[in-house]
Amino acid sequence: MHSSSPRHARTVVVGGGTMGADVAVVLARGGALVTVVDPGAARRELLLQHIAIELATAGFAQCASQVSVCAALEDVAWDGVALVVECITEQLDAKQALFAELQAHAPADAVLASNSSGFPISAIASGLPTAQRMLGLHFFMPAHLVPLVEVVLGERSDPALGQWLHAFMRGCGSVPVLVKKDKPGFLANRMQHALSREAFALIDEGIASPEDVDAAVRFGFGFRFLAAGPVLQRDHAGIEVHCAAAATMYPTLSNTDVPAQALRDRVARGDLGMKTGKGFFDWPEDRRLAERARYDALLRQGLALLASELPVPEQAQDTP
């Protein structure tokens, strides 16, 4: 097993889209040597510039030289590679084909990780002899700004490699959580969708507008999440208070097993959000760009507020 320190570790990111590029930023800021594999020539030209800008913005400009790009797995210098992170399209057959191909390229002791948000690592690893060293490594967009990363054990994953990957990602400055069972949605998305199911049920029932639902989360209980998660919140408020409220509310919460009507109607109309110019709100280009800038700025401010509680990337520990 390789050292769990990311400094000077050889890593490969397969897929140079938005997620793959940002994952490369995360690995590089920990001191890893990163090769990003993407077949698109135009995208490869933009990758290094994007990665260099994001590293510089975060104070790790010196790490940009640790990142390289290439077009195919055959072009990677595989000797000594400790970690491969798959960030390709969310299609199960494509992911299975890639991991089957990695058998012929990646060293026998390399950890093979998938960033899939929709497919359990057990499904991707089905029938593959590498299943023991395959794990989920689920980032949240934008990966270089959202600290959390989920390390997910599949049915056949070696738990020791889960601990190794957990330590490796902490060395990259991420906040890793170990998900011990490969359930759909892993950990964070299961909780996020539980909230969303109730939120959109309230919209469907006409109890609140989309704007008020967002305000209730952002400026109400969601505001407190910056300071404490739901478990610690119960210790703050009193566990008996939560139990009493739960007994009253739980019988009336939504338990539907289909997406809300408000979501299905918009999908049917092709109103998919910013990508189509309309979702729950209208998104002309100027408003879309302004919203993206506002969103990004607030995430960076949140990072600054949490800085004292976040792991320090190992690369930064060498900086005077």
C-alpha atoms as a PDB file:
ATOM      1  CA  MET A   1       0.000   0.000   0.000  1.00  0.00           C
ATOM      2  CA  HIS A   2       1.277   3.471  -0.913  1.00  0.00           C
ATOM      3  CA  SER A   3       1.788   6.204   1.657  1.00  0.00           C
ATOM      4  CA  SER A   4      -1.465   7.967   2.495  1.00  0.00           C
ATOM      5  CA  SER A   5       0.256  11.319   2.136  1.00  0.00           C
ATOM      6  CA  PRO A   6      -0.688  13.058  -1.133  1.00  0.00           C
ATOM      7  CA  ARG A   7       2.658  14.877  -1.340  1.00  0.00           C
ATOM      8  CA  HIS A   8       4.477  13.698  -4.456  1.00  0.00           C
ATOM      9  CA  ALA A   9       1.912  10.909  -4.953  1.00  0.00           C
ATOM     10  CA  ARG A  10       1.242  10.063  -8.586  1.00  0.00           C
ATOM     11  CA  THR A  11      -2.461  10.371  -9.423  1.00  0.00           C
ATOM     12  CA  VAL A  12      -4.618  10.197 -12.549  1.00  0.00           C
ATOM     13  CA  VAL A  13      -7.976  11.875 -13.176  1.00  0.00           C
ATOM     14  CA  VAL A  14      -9.919  10.388 -16.100  1.00  0.00           C
ATOM     15  CA  GLY A  15     -12.275  12.967 -17.565  1.00  0.00           C
ATOM     16  CA  GLY A  16     -11.431  16.643 -17.907  1.00  0.00           C
ATOM     17  CA  GLY A  17     -14.878  18.198 -17.640  1.00  0.00           C
ATOM     18  CA  THR A  18     -15.915  20.617 -14.911  1.00  0.00           C
ATOM     19  CA  MET A  19     -15.747  18.002 -12.167  1.00  0.00           C
ATOM     20  CA  GLY A  20     -12.530  16.374 -13.366  1.00  0.00           C
ATOM     21  CA  ALA A  21     -10.748  19.721 -13.617  1.00  0.00           C
ATOM     22  CA  ASP A  22     -11.775  20.714 -10.102  1.00  0.00           C
ATOM     23  CA  VAL A  23     -10.807  17.312  -8.684  1.00  0.00           C
ATOM     24  CA  ALA A  24      -7.373  17.885 -10.210  1.00  0.00           C
ATOM     25  CA  VAL A  25      -7.191  21.183  -8.286  1.00  0.00           C
ATOM     26  CA  VAL A  26      -7.987  19.355  -5.027  1.00  0.00           C
ATOM     27  CA  LEU A  27      -5.321  16.689  -5.584  1.00  0.00           C
ATOM     28  CA  ALA A  28      -2.676  19.190  -6.702  1.00  0.00           C
ATOM     29  CA  ARG A  29      -3.152  21.468  -3.698  1.00  0.00           C
ATOM     30  CA  GLY A  30      -2.293  18.471  -1.519  1.00  0.00           C
ATOM     31  CA  GLY A  31       1.009  18.142  -3.348  1.00  0.00           C
ATOM     32  CA  ALA A  32       0.077  15.260  -5.667  1.00  0.00           C
ATOM     33  CA  LEU A  33       1.352  14.910  -9.212  1.00  0.00           C
ATOM     34  CA  VAL A  34      -1.780  14.850 -11.374  1.00  0.00           C
ATOM     35  CA  THR A  35      -2.333  13.668 -14.933  1.00  0.00           C
ATOM     36  CA  VAL A  36      -5.740  14.524 -16.393  1.00  0.00           C
ATOM     37  CA  VAL A  37      -6.860  12.292 -19.262  1.00  0.00           C
ATOM     38  CA  ASP A  38      -9.364  13.695 -21.749  1.00  0.00           C
ATOM     39  CA  PRO A  39      -9.730  12.905 -25.467  1.00  0.00           C
ATOM     40  CA  GLY A  40     -10.994  16.385 -26.393  1.00  0.00           C
ATOM     41  CA  ALA A  41      -8.202  18.562 -27.771  1.00  0.00           C
ATOM     42  CA  ALA A  42     -10.105  21.806 -27.215  1.00  0.00           C
ATOM     43  CA  ARG A  43     -10.884  20.903 -23.616  1.00  0.00           C
ATOM     44  CA  ARG A  44      -7.290  19.883 -22.931  1.00  0.00           C
ATOM     45  CA  GLU A  45      -6.127  23.309 -24.076  1.00  0.00           C
ATOM     46  CA  LEU A  46      -8.332  25.006 -21.481  1.00  0.00           C
ATOM     47  CA  LEU A  47      -7.690  22.592 -18.621  1.00  0.00           C
ATOM     48  CA  LEU A  48      -4.273  23.720 -17.494  1.00  0.00           C
ATOM     49  CA  GLN A  49      -5.305  27.386 -17.572  1.00  0.00           C
ATOM     50  CA  HIS A  50      -8.411  26.740 -15.486  1.00  0.00           C
ATOM     51  CA  ILE A  51      -6.513  24.612 -12.976  1.00  0.00           C
ATOM     52  CA  ALA A  52      -3.716  27.183 -12.671  1.00  0.00           C
ATOM     53  CA  ILE A  53      -6.208  30.015 -12.046  1.00  0.00           C
ATOM     54  CA  GLU A  54      -8.077  28.088  -9.345  1.00  0.00           C
ATOM     55  CA  LEU A  55      -4.864  27.003  -7.619  1.00  0.00           C
ATOM     56  CA  ALA A  56      -3.559  30.568  -7.644  1.00  0.00           C
ATOM     57  CA  THR A  57      -6.859  31.904  -6.279  1.00  0.00           C
ATOM     58  CA  ALA A  58      -6.599  29.444  -3.386  1.00  0.00           C
ATOM     59  CA  GLY A  59      -2.977  30.377  -2.679  1.00  0.00           C
ATOM     60  CA  PHE A  60      -1.397  27.318  -4.294  1.00  0.00           C
ATOM     61  CA  ALA A  61      -0.012  28.802  -7.502  1.00  0.00           C
ATOM     62  CA  GLN A  62       3.192  26.793  -7.084  1.00  0.00           C
ATOM     63  CA  CYS A  63       1.210  23.551  -7.482  1.00  0.00           C
ATOM     64  CA  ALA A  64       0.142  24.242 -11.073  1.00  0.00           C
ATOM     65  CA  SER A  65       3.365  22.754 -12.414  1.00  0.00           C
ATOM     66  CA  GLN A  66       2.383  19.397 -10.874  1.00  0.00           C
ATOM     67  CA  VAL A  67      -0.520  18.980 -13.318  1.00  0.00           C
ATOM     68  CA  SER A  68      -0.270  17.617 -16.860  1.00  0.00           C
ATOM     69  CA  VAL A  69      -2.820  16.544 -19.461  1.00  0.00           C
ATOM     70  CA  CYS A  70      -2.946  13.831 -22.096  1.00  0.00           C
ATOM     71  CA  ALA A  71      -5.433  12.370 -24.553  1.00  0.00           C
ATOM     72  CA  ALA A  72      -5.622   8.678 -23.669  1.00  0.00           C
ATOM     73  CA  LEU A  73      -4.850   6.114 -20.993  1.00  0.00           C
ATOM     74  CA  GLU A  74      -2.038   4.809 -23.171  1.00  0.00           C
ATOM     75  CA  ASP A  75      -0.299   8.198 -22.862  1.00  0.00           C
ATOM     76  CA  VAL A  76      -0.099   8.108 -19.042  1.00  0.00           C
ATOM     77  CA  ALA A  77       3.163   7.266 -17.290  1.00  0.00           C
ATOM     78  CA  TRP A  78       1.625   4.593 -15.062  1.00  0.00           C
ATOM     79  CA  ASP A  79       4.637   3.559 -12.996  1.00  0.00           C
ATOM     80  CA  GLY A  80       4.039   4.396  -9.350  1.00  0.00           C
ATOM     81  CA  VAL A  81       0.472   5.700  -9.770  1.00  0.00           C
ATOM     82  CA  ALA A  82      -1.273   5.417  -6.381  1.00  0.00           C
ATOM     83  CA  LEU A  83      -4.769   6.720  -7.175  1.00  0.00           C
ATOM     84  CA  VAL A  84      -7.035   6.923 -10.227  1.00  0.00           C
ATOM     85  CA  VAL A  85     -10.221   9.008 -10.038  1.00  0.00           C
ATOM     86  CA  GLU A  86     -12.882   8.467 -12.701  1.00  0.00           C
ATOM     87  CA  CYS A  87     -14.868  11.606 -13.615  1.00  0.00           C
ATOM     88  CA  ILE A  88     -16.494  10.629 -16.920  1.00  0.00           C
ATOM     89  CA  THR A  89     -20.111  10.774 -18.060  1.00  0.00           C
ATOM     90  CA  GLU A  90     -22.826   9.344 -15.781  1.00  0.00           C
ATOM     91  CA  GLN A  91     -23.452   6.213 -17.847  1.00  0.00           C
ATOM     92  CA  LEU A  92     -23.013   2.871 -16.144  1.00  0.00           C
ATOM     93  CA  ASP A  93     -21.770   0.974 -19.203  1.00  0.00           C
ATOM     94  CA  ALA A  94     -19.172   3.658 -19.928  1.00  0.00           C
ATOM     95  CA  LYS A  95     -17.880   3.544 -16.375  1.00  0.00           C
ATOM     96  CA  GLN A  96     -17.736  -0.254 -16.348  1.00  0.00           C
ATOM     97  CA  ALA A  97     -15.843  -0.236 -19.640  1.00  0.00           C
ATOM     98  CA  LEU A  98     -13.342   2.299 -18.307  1.00  0.00           C
ATOM     99  CA  PHE A  99     -12.607   0.337 -15.130  1.00  0.00           C
ATOM    100  CA  ALA A 100     -12.232  -2.846 -17.180  1.00  0.00           C
ATOM    101  CA  GLU A 101      -9.695  -1.003 -19.345  1.00  0.00           C
ATOM    102  CA  LEU A 102      -7.855   0.283 -16.272  1.00  0.00           C
ATOM    103  CA  GLN A 103      -6.944  -3.312 -15.429  1.00  0.00           C
ATOM    104  CA  ALA A 104      -4.493  -3.242 -18.317  1.00  0.00           C
ATOM    105  CA  HIS A 105      -2.939   0.092 -17.364  1.00  0.00           C
ATOM    106  CA  ALA A 106      -3.062   0.954 -13.662  1.00  0.00           C
ATOM    107  CA  PRO A 107      -0.571  -0.676 -11.290  1.00  0.00           C
ATOM    108  CA  ALA A 108      -1.911  -3.611  -9.286  1.00  0.00           C
ATOM    109  CA  ASP A 109      -1.694  -1.620  -6.035  1.00  0.00           C
ATOM    110  CA  ALA A 110      -3.389   1.556  -7.312  1.00  0.00           C
ATOM    111  CA  VAL A 111      -6.690   2.555  -5.699  1.00  0.00           C
ATOM    112  CA  LEU A 112      -9.382   2.934  -8.366  1.00  0.00           C
ATOM    113  CA  ALA A 113     -12.063   5.454  -7.422  1.00  0.00           C
ATOM    114  CA  SER A 114     -15.253   6.656  -9.082  1.00  0.00           C
ATOM    115  CA  ASN A 115     -16.776  10.096  -8.609  1.00  0.00           C
ATOM    116  CA  SER A 116     -20.190   8.807  -9.692  1.00  0.00           C
ATOM    117  CA  SER A 117     -23.083  10.409  -7.845  1.00  0.00           C
ATOM    118  CA  GLY A 118     -25.729   8.063  -9.211  1.00  0.00           C
ATOM    119  CA  PHE A 119     -24.239   4.576  -9.494  1.00  0.00           C
ATOM    120  CA  PRO A 120     -23.116   2.496  -6.518  1.00  0.00           C
ATOM    121  CA  ILE A 121     -19.481   1.485  -6.753  1.00  0.00           C
ATOM    122  CA  SER A 122     -20.661  -2.111  -6.296  1.00  0.00           C
ATOM    123  CA  ALA A 123     -22.583  -1.874  -9.586  1.00  0.00           C
ATOM    124  CA  ILE A 124     -19.610  -0.365 -11.421  1.00  0.00           C
ATOM    125  CA  ALA A 125     -17.301  -3.039  -9.979  1.00  0.00           C
ATOM    126  CA  SER A 126     -19.631  -5.935 -10.795  1.00  0.00           C
ATOM    127  CA  GLY A 127     -17.706  -8.790 -12.397  1.00  0.00           C
ATOM    128  CA  LEU A 128     -14.351  -6.984 -12.252  1.00  0.00           C
ATOM    129  CA  PRO A 129     -11.316  -8.581 -10.567  1.00  0.00           C
ATOM    130  CA  THR A 130     -10.316  -5.110  -9.308  1.00  0.00           C
ATOM    131  CA  ALA A 131     -13.467  -4.736  -7.145  1.00  0.00           C
ATOM    132  CA  GLN A 132     -11.465  -5.107  -3.927  1.00  0.00           C
ATOM    133  CA  ARG A 133      -9.536  -1.892  -4.662  1.00  0.00           C
ATOM    134  CA  MET A 134     -12.455   0.043  -6.176  1.00  0.00           C
ATOM    135  CA  LEU A 135     -14.152   2.707  -4.037  1.00  0.00           C
ATOM    136  CA  GLY A 136     -16.504   5.610  -4.476  1.00  0.00           C
ATOM    137  CA  LEU A 137     -14.952   9.070  -4.128  1.00  0.00           C
ATOM    138  CA  HIS A 138     -17.873  11.452  -4.425  1.00  0.00           C
ATOM    139  CA  PHE A 139     -17.159  15.177  -4.615  1.00  0.00           C
ATOM    140  CA  PHE A 140     -19.725  17.987  -4.624  1.00  0.00           C
ATOM    141  CA  MET A 141     -19.711  20.737  -7.209  1.00  0.00           C
ATOM    142  CA  PRO A 142     -17.693  22.861  -7.273  1.00  0.00           C
ATOM    143  CA  ALA A 143     -15.280  20.233  -5.984  1.00  0.00           C
ATOM    144  CA  HIS A 144     -12.459  22.650  -5.193  1.00  0.00           C
ATOM    145  CA  LEU A 145     -14.742  24.851  -3.054  1.00  0.00           C
ATOM    146  CA  VAL A 146     -17.082  22.396  -1.292  1.00  0.00           C
ATOM    147  CA  PRO A 147     -14.886  20.749   1.364  1.00  0.00           C
ATOM    148  CA  LEU A 148     -16.794  17.482   1.730  1.00  0.00           C
ATOM    149  CA  VAL A 149     -15.864  14.312  -0.127  1.00  0.00           C
ATOM    150  CA  GLU A 150     -17.493  10.926   0.449  1.00  0.00           C
ATOM    151  CA  VAL A 151     -15.312   7.818   0.553  1.00  0.00           C
ATOM    152  CA  VAL A 152     -17.712   4.973  -0.230  1.00  0.00           C
ATOM    153  CA  LEU A 153     -17.080   1.284   0.412  1.00  0.00           C
ATOM    154  CA  GLY A 154     -18.603  -1.143  -2.069  1.00  0.00           C
ATOM    155  CA  GLU A 155     -19.657  -4.684  -1.248  1.00  0.00           C
ATOM    156  CA  ARG A 156     -16.184  -6.007  -2.056  1.00  0.00           C
ATOM    157  CA  SER A 157     -14.046  -2.949  -1.253  1.00  0.00           C
ATOM    158  CA  ASP A 158     -11.137  -3.447   1.121  1.00  0.00           C
ATOM    159  CA  PRO A 159     -11.969  -1.377   4.251  1.00  0.00           C
ATOM    160  CA  ALA A 160      -8.261  -0.678   4.754  1.00  0.00           C
ATOM    161  CA  LEU A 161      -8.209   1.118   1.400  1.00  0.00           C
ATOM    162  CA  GLY A 162     -11.172   3.171   2.554  1.00  0.00           C
ATOM    163  CA  GLN A 163      -9.133   4.345   5.531  1.00  0.00           C
ATOM    164  CA  TRP A 164      -6.178   5.003   3.220  1.00  0.00           C
ATOM    165  CA  LEU A 165      -8.273   7.125   0.859  1.00  0.00           C
ATOM    166  CA  HIS A 166      -9.854   8.975   3.792  1.00  0.00           C
ATOM    167  CA  ALA A 167      -6.395   9.992   5.054  1.00  0.00           C
ATOM    168  CA  PHE A 168      -5.214  10.850   1.525  1.00  0.00           C
ATOM    169  CA  MET A 169      -8.123  13.244   0.927  1.00  0.00           C
ATOM    170  CA  ARG A 170      -7.668  14.881   4.311  1.00  0.00           C
ATOM    171  CA  GLY A 171      -4.096  15.550   3.248  1.00  0.00           C
ATOM    172  CA  CYS A 172      -5.540  17.350   0.210  1.00  0.00           C
ATOM    173  CA  GLY A 173      -7.468  19.715   2.492  1.00  0.00           C
ATOM    174  CA  SER A 174     -10.832  18.019   2.003  1.00  0.00           C
ATOM    175  CA  VAL A 175     -13.245  16.922   4.726  1.00  0.00           C
ATOM    176  CA  PRO A 176     -13.701  13.197   4.022  1.00  0.00           C
ATOM    177  CA  VAL A 177     -16.513  11.097   5.444  1.00  0.00           C
ATOM    178  CA  LEU A 178     -16.469   7.309   5.315  1.00  0.00           C
ATOM    179  CA  VAL A 179     -19.681   5.748   3.967  1.00  0.00           C
ATOM    180  CA  LYS A 180     -19.606   2.130   5.103  1.00  0.00           C
ATOM    181  CA  LYS A 181     -22.486   0.820   3.003  1.00  0.00           C
ATOM    182  CA  ASP A 182     -22.991   1.434  -0.707  1.00  0.00           C
ATOM    183  CA  LYS A 183     -26.591   2.698  -0.685  1.00  0.00           C
ATOM    184  CA  PRO A 184     -28.033   4.863  -3.499  1.00  0.00           C
ATOM    185  CA  GLY A 185     -27.172   8.486  -2.784  1.00  0.00           C
ATOM    186  CA  PHE A 186     -24.449   7.473  -0.294  1.00  0.00           C
ATOM    187  CA  LEU A 187     -24.671   9.833   2.725  1.00  0.00           C
ATOM    188  CA  ALA A 188     -25.061  13.529   1.890  1.00  0.00           C
ATOM    189  CA  ASN A 189     -27.357  13.161  -1.119  1.00  0.00           C
ATOM    190  CA  ARG A 190     -29.701  10.894   0.823  1.00  0.00           C
ATOM    191  CA  MET A 191     -30.139  13.622   3.427  1.00  0.00           C
ATOM    192  CA  GLN A 192     -30.329  16.323   0.762  1.00  0.00           C
ATOM    193  CA  HIS A 193     -33.076  14.490  -1.130  1.00  0.00           C
ATOM    194  CA  ALA A 194     -35.022  13.845   2.067  1.00  0.00           C
ATOM    195  CA  LEU A 195     -35.117  17.618   2.548  1.00  0.00           C
ATOM    196  CA  SER A 196     -35.908  18.252  -1.119  1.00  0.00           C
ATOM    197  CA  ARG A 197     -38.774  15.756  -1.125  1.00  0.00           C
ATOM    198  CA  GLU A 198     -40.488  17.678   1.665  1.00  0.00           C
ATOM    199  CA  ALA A 199     -39.626  21.077   0.157  1.00  0.00           C
ATOM    200  CA  PHE A 200     -41.190  20.288  -3.210  1.00  0.00           C
ATOM    201  CA  ALA A 201     -44.163  18.569  -1.573  1.00  0.00           C
ATOM    202  CA  LEU A 202     -44.875  21.852   0.222  1.00  0.00           C
ATOM    203  CA  ILE A 203     -44.710  23.651  -3.136  1.00  0.00           C
ATOM    204  CA  ASP A 204     -47.020  21.082  -4.754  1.00  0.00           C
ATOM    205  CA  GLU A 205     -49.539  21.533  -1.916  1.00  0.00           C
ATOM    206  CA  GLY A 206     -49.487  25.321  -2.285  1.00  0.00           C
ATOM    207  CA  ILE A 207     -48.253  25.777   1.276  1.00  0.00           C
ATOM    208  CA  ALA A 208     -45.300  27.945   0.256  1.00  0.00           C
ATOM    209  CA  SER A 209     -43.811  29.519  -2.865  1.00  0.00           C
ATOM    210  CA  PRO A 210     -40.440  28.405  -4.282  1.00  0.00           C
ATOM    211  CA  GLU A 211     -38.966  31.705  -3.087  1.00  0.00           C
ATOM    212  CA  ASP A 212     -40.206  31.193   0.467  1.00  0.00           C
ATOM    213  CA  VAL A 213     -39.003  27.583   0.552  1.00  0.00           C
ATOM    214  CA  ASP A 214     -35.510  28.777  -0.381  1.00  0.00           C
ATOM    215  CA  ALA A 215     -35.653  31.581   2.194  1.00  0.00           C
ATOM    216  CA  ALA A 216     -36.781  29.197   4.960  1.00  0.00           C
ATOM    217  CA  VAL A 217     -33.762  26.974   4.338  1.00  0.00           C
ATOM    218  CA  ARG A 218     -31.102  29.624   3.719  1.00  0.00           C
ATOM    219  CA  PHE A 219     -32.072  32.074   6.454  1.00  0.00           C
ATOM    220  CA  GLY A 220     -33.650  29.648   8.939  1.00  0.00           C
ATOM    221  CA  PHE A 221     -32.389  26.236   9.969  1.00  0.00           C
ATOM    222  CA  GLY A 222     -29.951  26.048   7.045  1.00  0.00           C
ATOM    223  CA  PHE A 223     -28.127  29.112   8.337  1.00  0.00           C
ATOM    224  CA  ARG A 224     -27.291  27.184  11.512  1.00  0.00           C
ATOM    225  CA  PHE A 225     -25.782  24.319   9.540  1.00  0.00           C
ATOM    226  CA  LEU A 226     -22.677  26.420   8.994  1.00  0.00           C
ATOM    227  CA  ALA A 227     -22.068  26.088  12.736  1.00  0.00           C
ATOM    228  CA  ALA A 228     -23.453  22.616  13.491  1.00  0.00           C
ATOM    229  CA  GLY A 229     -24.928  19.629  11.682  1.00  0.00           C
ATOM    230  CA  PRO A 230     -28.261  18.005  12.616  1.00  0.00           C
ATOM    231  CA  VAL A 231     -26.772  15.736  15.306  1.00  0.00           C
ATOM    232  CA  LEU A 232     -24.883  18.470  17.166  1.00  0.00           C
ATOM    233  CA  GLN A 233     -27.908  20.747  16.756  1.00  0.00           C
ATOM    234  CA  ARG A 234     -29.956  18.292  18.830  1.00  0.00           C
ATOM    235  CA  ASP A 235     -27.480  18.541  21.684  1.00  0.00           C
ATOM    236  CA  HIS A 236     -27.705  22.328  21.472  1.00  0.00           C
ATOM    237  CA  ALA A 237     -31.509  22.432  21.432  1.00  0.00           C
ATOM    238  CA  GLY A 238     -32.285  19.440  23.634  1.00  0.00           C
ATOM    239  CA  ILE A 239     -32.917  15.928  22.379  1.00  0.00           C
ATOM    240  CA  GLU A 240     -36.281  15.687  24.111  1.00  0.00           C
ATOM    241  CA  VAL A 241     -37.451  18.800  22.234  1.00  0.00           C
ATOM    242  CA  HIS A 242     -36.574  17.156  18.919  1.00  0.00           C
ATOM    243  CA  CYS A 243     -38.282  13.902  19.882  1.00  0.00           C
ATOM    244  CA  ALA A 244     -41.501  15.687  20.790  1.00  0.00           C
ATOM    245  CA  ALA A 245     -41.515  17.705  17.553  1.00  0.00           C
ATOM    246  CA  ALA A 246     -40.700  14.600  15.505  1.00  0.00           C
ATOM    247  CA  ALA A 247     -43.608  12.679  17.013  1.00  0.00           C
ATOM    248  CA  THR A 248     -45.965  15.460  15.914  1.00  0.00           C
ATOM    249  CA  MET A 249     -44.576  16.090  12.427  1.00  0.00           C
ATOM    250  CA  TYR A 250     -43.312  12.756  11.113  1.00  0.00           C
ATOM    251  CA  PRO A 251     -46.763  11.298  10.378  1.00  0.00           C
ATOM    252  CA  THR A 252     -47.513  14.221   8.045  1.00  0.00           C
ATOM    253  CA  LEU A 253     -44.178  14.384   6.187  1.00  0.00           C
ATOM    254  CA  SER A 254     -44.084  13.410   2.537  1.00  0.00           C
ATOM    255  CA  ASN A 255     -43.130   9.795   1.892  1.00  0.00           C
ATOM    256  CA  THR A 256     -43.797   9.758  -1.841  1.00  0.00           C
ATOM    257  CA  ASP A 257     -41.576   7.546  -3.994  1.00  0.00           C
ATOM    258  CA  VAL A 258     -41.861   9.713  -7.123  1.00  0.00           C
ATOM    259  CA  PRO A 259     -40.462  13.196  -7.850  1.00  0.00           C
ATOM    260  CA  ALA A 260     -42.732  16.142  -7.065  1.00  0.00           C
ATOM    261  CA  GLN A 261     -45.215  17.337  -9.679  1.00  0.00           C
ATOM    262  CA  ALA A 262     -43.499  20.728  -9.734  1.00  0.00           C
ATOM    263  CA  LEU A 263     -40.310  18.988 -10.899  1.00  0.00           C
ATOM    264  CA  ARG A 264     -41.933  16.578 -13.359  1.00  0.00           C
ATOM    265  CA  ASP A 265     -43.915  19.347 -15.045  1.00  0.00           C
ATOM    266  CA  ARG A 266     -40.800  21.405 -15.678  1.00  0.00           C
ATOM    267  CA  VAL A 267     -38.873  18.427 -17.020  1.00  0.00           C
ATOM    268  CA  ALA A 268     -41.754  17.660 -19.401  1.00  0.00           C
ATOM    269  CA  ARG A 269     -41.711  21.262 -20.664  1.00  0.00           C
ATOM    270  CA  GLY A 270     -37.927  21.293 -21.034  1.00  0.00           C
ATOM    271  CA  ASP A 271     -37.560  24.003 -18.368  1.00  0.00           C
ATOM    272  CA  LEU A 272     -34.429  22.505 -16.805  1.00  0.00           C
ATOM    273  CA  GLY A 273     -32.937  25.523 -15.066  1.00  0.00           C
ATOM    274  CA  MET A 274     -30.041  27.745 -16.066  1.00  0.00           C
ATOM    275  CA  LYS A 275     -28.954  25.403 -18.876  1.00  0.00           C
ATOM    276  CA  THR A 276     -32.223  26.081 -20.760  1.00  0.00           C
ATOM    277  CA  GLY A 277     -32.812  29.651 -19.593  1.00  0.00           C
ATOM    278  CA  LYS A 278     -35.793  28.773 -17.412  1.00  0.00           C
ATOM    279  CA  GLY A 279     -36.563  26.527 -14.457  1.00  0.00           C
ATOM    280  CA  PHE A 280     -38.422  27.748 -11.399  1.00  0.00           C
ATOM    281  CA  PHE A 281     -37.033  31.156 -12.324  1.00  0.00           C
ATOM    282  CA  ASP A 282     -36.121  32.886 -15.605  1.00  0.00           C
ATOM    283  CA  TRP A 283     -32.428  32.956 -16.508  1.00  0.00           C
ATOM    284  CA  PRO A 284     -31.494  35.428 -19.239  1.00  0.00           C
ATOM    285  CA  GLU A 285     -27.747  35.372 -19.784  1.00  0.00           C
ATOM    286  CA  ASP A 286     -26.939  38.477 -17.761  1.00  0.00           C
ATOM    287  CA  ARG A 287     -28.924  37.229 -14.772  1.00  0.00           C
ATOM    288  CA  ARG A 288     -27.400  33.759 -15.051  1.00  0.00           C
ATOM    289  CA  LEU A 289     -23.866  35.150 -15.005  1.00  0.00           C
ATOM    290  CA  ALA A 290     -24.655  37.418 -12.062  1.00  0.00           C
ATOM    291  CA  GLU A 291     -26.152  34.516 -10.110  1.00  0.00           C
ATOM    292  CA  ARG A 292     -23.146  32.289 -10.799  1.00  0.00           C
ATOM    293  CA  ALA A 293     -20.840  35.038  -9.552  1.00  0.00           C
ATOM    294  CA  ARG A 294     -22.952  35.605  -6.409  1.00  0.00           C
ATOM    295  CA  TYR A 295     -23.081  31.874  -5.689  1.00  0.00           C
ATOM    296  CA  ASP A 296     -19.338  31.417  -6.144  1.00  0.00           C
ATOM    297  CA  ALA A 297     -18.520  34.441  -3.974  1.00  0.00           C
ATOM    298  CA  LEU A 298     -20.714  33.220  -1.106  1.00  0.00           C
ATOM    299  CA  LEU A 299     -19.176  29.746  -1.231  1.00  0.00           C
ATOM    300  CA  ARG A 300     -15.718  31.298  -0.949  1.00  0.00           C
ATOM    301  CA  GLN A 301     -16.888  33.442   1.995  1.00  0.00           C
ATOM    302  CA  GLY A 302     -18.243  30.308   3.644  1.00  0.00           C
ATOM    303  CA  LEU A 303     -14.878  28.627   3.191  1.00  0.00           C
ATOM    304  CA  ALA A 304     -13.199  31.593   4.843  1.00  0.00           C
ATOM    305  CA  LEU A 305     -15.569  31.363   7.817  1.00  0.00           C
ATOM    306  CA  LEU A 306     -14.837  27.650   8.240  1.00  0.00           C
ATOM    307  CA  ALA A 307     -11.098  27.939   7.596  1.00  0.00           C
ATOM    308  CA  SER A 308     -10.085  27.259  11.195  1.00  0.00           C
ATOM    309  CA  GLU A 309     -12.022  23.947  11.151  1.00  0.00           C
ATOM    310  CA  LEU A 310     -10.797  22.652   7.782  1.00  0.00           C
ATOM    311  CA  PRO A 311      -7.814  20.346   7.254  1.00  0.00           C
ATOM    312  CA  VAL A 312      -4.704  22.103   5.974  1.00  0.00           C
ATOM    313  CA  PRO A 313      -3.486  20.648   2.667  1.00  0.00           C
ATOM    314  CA  GLU A 314      -0.136  18.965   3.191  1.00  0.00           C
ATOM    315  CA  GLN A 315       1.450  21.100   0.486  1.00  0.00           C
ATOM    316  CA  ALA A 316       0.591  24.224   2.512  1.00  0.00           C
ATOM    317  CA  GLN A 317       2.302  22.811   5.600  1.00  0.00           C
ATOM    318  CA  ASP A 318       5.625  23.256   3.818  1.00  0.00           C
ATOM    319  CA  THR A 319       4.936  26.941   3.123  1.00  0.00           C
ATOM    320  CA  PRO A 320       6.505  29.379   5.621  1.00  0.00           C
END
